[in-house]
Amino acid sequence: MTEQVTTGPLEGGNAGFTPPATQEELNALIAGRLERERGKFAGFDEFKAKAARLDEIEEQGRTDLEKAEARAAAAEQALKDREAADEAAKAEAEAAAELAKDAASVAEATGVPVELLRGGSKEELEAHAKALAPLLAAGNGLNQVRTSGTGGGQPSTSSFAAGRERAKARSK
């Protein structure tokens, strides 16, 4: 197997090609090539405009039945979306009602007011009630309002009573 090395022009190639000798010749070759490429796309904007016009004509050509079918499909989808939203709202309301029922039963069982209970499940409500119960036990002083600066710092059972005590102290 011997390889043949050719030093001349390739067979069937550009036998008359001579490389450009100056920058101007190279620029002229490149400019010619660019002009030929741009010529391939001449009228492209015209074709785009014609395609857009064809789309408009096809849209106008749709029958009334097709248009009505498209509107009906859109309405059916909107109805499905609305029904899904209603179902989600209904499920959320049922869960909230169940949680309120659980809170009432926990409040009744533990003696902790339902307004104080927090949690997202019956177990959480029970745990919160268990934590609050010792704090709400009678005699711990949490349900008393302190009267600062009046009457020797004695606790009062309500803010109304504290106001009454302050008024008595001022009138003396």
Protein backbone atom coordinates (compact mmCIF):
# COMPACT_ATOMS: atom_id res chain seq x y z
CA MET A 1 0.00 0.00 0.00
CA THR A 2 1.69 3.08 -1.14
CA GLU A 3 0.30 6.55 -0.67
CA GLN A 4 0.31 9.04 -3.46
CA VAL A 5 1.17 12.57 -2.57
CA THR A 6 -0.19 15.21 -4.84
CA THR A 7 1.37 18.60 -4.91
CA GLY A 8 -0.73 20.11 -7.65
CA PRO A 9 -4.36 21.02 -7.76
CA LEU A 10 -6.84 18.34 -6.73
CA GLU A 11 -8.56 16.47 -9.48
CA GLY A 12 -11.99 17.94 -10.14
CA GLY A 13 -11.23 20.83 -7.79
CA ASN A 14 -10.69 24.49 -8.45
CA ALA A 15 -7.72 24.24 -10.75
CA GLY A 16 -7.80 27.95 -11.48
CA PHE A 17 -7.89 29.13 -7.87
CA THR A 18 -5.19 31.49 -6.80
CA PRO A 19 -5.09 32.72 -3.23
CA PRO A 20 -5.65 36.43 -2.66
CA ALA A 21 -2.42 38.36 -2.63
CA THR A 22 -3.69 41.48 -0.85
CA GLN A 23 -6.15 42.33 1.88
CA GLU A 24 -8.35 44.14 -0.65
CA GLU A 25 -8.66 40.98 -2.74
CA LEU A 26 -9.57 38.96 0.37
CA ASN A 27 -12.17 41.55 1.38
CA ALA A 28 -13.64 41.45 -2.12
CA LEU A 29 -13.90 37.63 -1.99
CA ILE A 30 -15.60 37.74 1.44
CA ALA A 31 -17.98 40.50 0.35
CA GLY A 32 -18.98 38.47 -2.70
CA ARG A 33 -19.65 35.41 -0.57
CA LEU A 34 -21.74 37.41 1.92
CA GLU A 35 -23.76 38.91 -0.90
CA ARG A 36 -24.53 35.46 -2.31
CA GLU A 37 -25.64 34.22 1.18
CA ARG A 38 -27.82 37.27 1.73
CA GLY A 39 -29.35 36.67 -1.68
CA LYS A 40 -30.57 33.27 -0.48
CA PHE A 41 -32.72 34.97 2.16
CA ALA A 42 -33.99 37.82 0.01
CA GLY A 43 -37.74 38.03 0.34
CA PHE A 44 -37.82 36.17 3.69
CA ASP A 45 -39.78 39.00 5.33
CA GLU A 46 -42.26 38.80 2.48
CA PHE A 47 -42.73 35.07 3.11
CA LYS A 48 -43.25 35.70 6.83
CA ALA A 49 -45.92 38.31 6.07
CA LYS A 50 -47.65 35.91 3.67
CA ALA A 51 -47.61 33.13 6.29
CA ALA A 52 -49.16 35.47 8.87
CA ARG A 53 -51.84 36.49 6.38
CA LEU A 54 -52.55 32.81 5.62
CA ASP A 55 -53.01 32.16 9.35
CA GLU A 56 -55.51 35.02 9.51
CA ILE A 57 -57.44 33.67 6.53
CA GLU A 58 -57.54 30.18 8.05
CA GLU A 59 -58.83 31.63 11.33
CA GLN A 60 -61.55 33.51 9.48
CA GLY A 61 -62.38 30.35 7.61
CA ARG A 62 -63.17 28.40 10.73
CA THR A 63 -66.80 27.54 10.87
CA ASP A 64 -69.14 28.81 13.50
CA LEU A 65 -69.40 25.27 14.81
CA GLU A 66 -65.65 25.09 15.41
CA LYS A 67 -65.73 28.43 17.20
CA ALA A 68 -68.66 27.28 19.35
CA GLU A 69 -66.84 24.03 20.16
CA ALA A 70 -63.76 26.00 21.24
CA ARG A 71 -65.89 28.23 23.49
CA ALA A 72 -67.66 25.19 24.97
CA ALA A 73 -64.34 23.49 25.72
CA ALA A 74 -63.09 26.64 27.45
CA ALA A 75 -66.31 26.86 29.50
CA GLU A 76 -66.06 23.20 30.50
CA GLN A 77 -62.49 23.72 31.67
CA ALA A 78 -63.51 26.77 33.69
CA LEU A 79 -66.33 24.75 35.28
CA LYS A 80 -63.93 21.93 36.20
CA ASP A 81 -61.52 24.43 37.75
CA ARG A 82 -64.35 26.01 39.77
CA GLU A 83 -65.59 22.62 40.98
CA ALA A 84 -62.08 21.67 42.08
CA ALA A 85 -61.76 24.94 44.01
CA ASP A 86 -65.17 24.38 45.64
CA GLU A 87 -64.19 20.85 46.69
CA ALA A 88 -60.96 22.14 48.22
CA ALA A 89 -62.83 24.86 50.12
CA LYS A 90 -65.40 22.33 51.34
CA ALA A 91 -62.68 19.97 52.57
CA GLU A 92 -60.94 22.85 54.35
CA ALA A 93 -64.19 23.92 56.03
CA GLU A 94 -64.88 20.36 57.16
CA ALA A 95 -61.39 20.09 58.63
CA ALA A 96 -61.84 23.41 60.47
CA ALA A 97 -65.21 22.27 61.85
CA GLU A 98 -63.69 18.98 63.02
CA LEU A 99 -60.83 20.84 64.70
CA ALA A 100 -63.31 23.18 66.46
CA LYS A 101 -65.27 20.16 67.67
CA ASP A 102 -62.04 18.57 68.97
CA ALA A 103 -61.06 21.83 70.69
CA ALA A 104 -64.44 22.00 72.44
CA SER A 105 -64.15 18.42 73.67
CA VAL A 106 -60.58 18.97 74.91
CA ALA A 107 -61.64 22.19 76.65
CA GLU A 108 -64.50 20.40 78.36
CA ALA A 109 -62.29 17.49 79.43
CA THR A 110 -59.42 19.61 80.76
CA GLY A 111 -61.17 22.75 81.98
CA VAL A 112 -58.95 24.97 79.82
CA PRO A 113 -60.97 27.63 77.93
CA VAL A 114 -61.30 26.78 74.24
CA GLU A 115 -60.09 30.29 73.31
CA LEU A 116 -56.66 29.50 74.75
CA LEU A 117 -56.15 26.20 72.96
CA ARG A 118 -53.87 26.08 69.91
CA GLY A 119 -53.02 23.19 67.61
CA GLY A 120 -53.74 21.57 64.27
CA SER A 121 -54.89 18.19 65.56
CA LYS A 122 -56.64 16.74 68.60
CA GLU A 123 -53.31 15.47 69.92
CA GLU A 124 -51.75 18.94 69.64
CA LEU A 125 -54.78 20.50 71.37
CA GLU A 126 -54.53 17.97 74.20
CA ALA A 127 -50.81 18.63 74.62
CA HIS A 128 -51.40 22.38 74.71
CA ALA A 129 -54.20 21.98 77.25
CA LYS A 130 -51.93 19.78 79.38
CA ALA A 131 -49.27 22.52 79.30
CA LEU A 132 -51.78 25.28 80.16
CA ALA A 133 -53.68 23.47 82.91
CA PRO A 134 -51.09 23.96 85.68
CA LEU A 135 -50.74 27.62 84.76
CA LEU A 136 -54.47 28.19 85.02
CA ALA A 137 -54.88 26.36 88.34
CA ALA A 138 -56.57 28.38 91.09
CA GLY A 139 -54.33 30.39 93.37
CA ASN A 140 -51.36 30.85 91.05
CA GLY A 141 -52.02 34.58 90.63
CA LEU A 142 -52.21 34.61 86.84
CA ASN A 143 -55.83 35.69 86.82
CA GLN A 144 -55.14 38.71 89.04
CA VAL A 145 -54.25 42.23 87.95
CA ARG A 146 -51.47 43.83 89.94
CA THR A 147 -52.03 47.40 91.02
CA SER A 148 -48.68 49.07 90.90
CA GLY A 149 -48.28 52.00 93.23
CA THR A 150 -51.74 51.86 94.82
CA GLY A 151 -52.77 50.16 97.98
CA GLY A 152 -49.43 48.61 98.89
CA GLY A 153 -49.16 46.39 95.80
CA GLN A 154 -52.03 44.10 96.74
CA PRO A 155 -53.34 42.05 93.80
CA SER A 156 -56.83 42.74 92.55
CA THR A 157 -59.08 40.22 90.83
CA SER A 158 -60.07 42.53 87.96
CA SER A 159 -59.01 45.76 86.32
CA PHE A 160 -62.34 47.28 87.37
CA ALA A 161 -61.53 46.54 91.00
CA ALA A 162 -58.06 48.02 90.55
CA GLY A 163 -59.59 51.23 89.19
CA ARG A 164 -62.01 51.38 92.12
CA GLU A 165 -59.12 50.99 94.56
CA ARG A 166 -57.16 53.80 92.90
CA ALA A 167 -60.22 56.08 93.03
CA LYS A 168 -60.67 55.37 96.76
CA ALA A 169 -57.02 56.09 97.43
CA ARG A 170 -57.21 59.44 95.64
CA SER A 171 -60.35 60.59 97.44
CA LYS A 172 -58.75 60.13 100.91
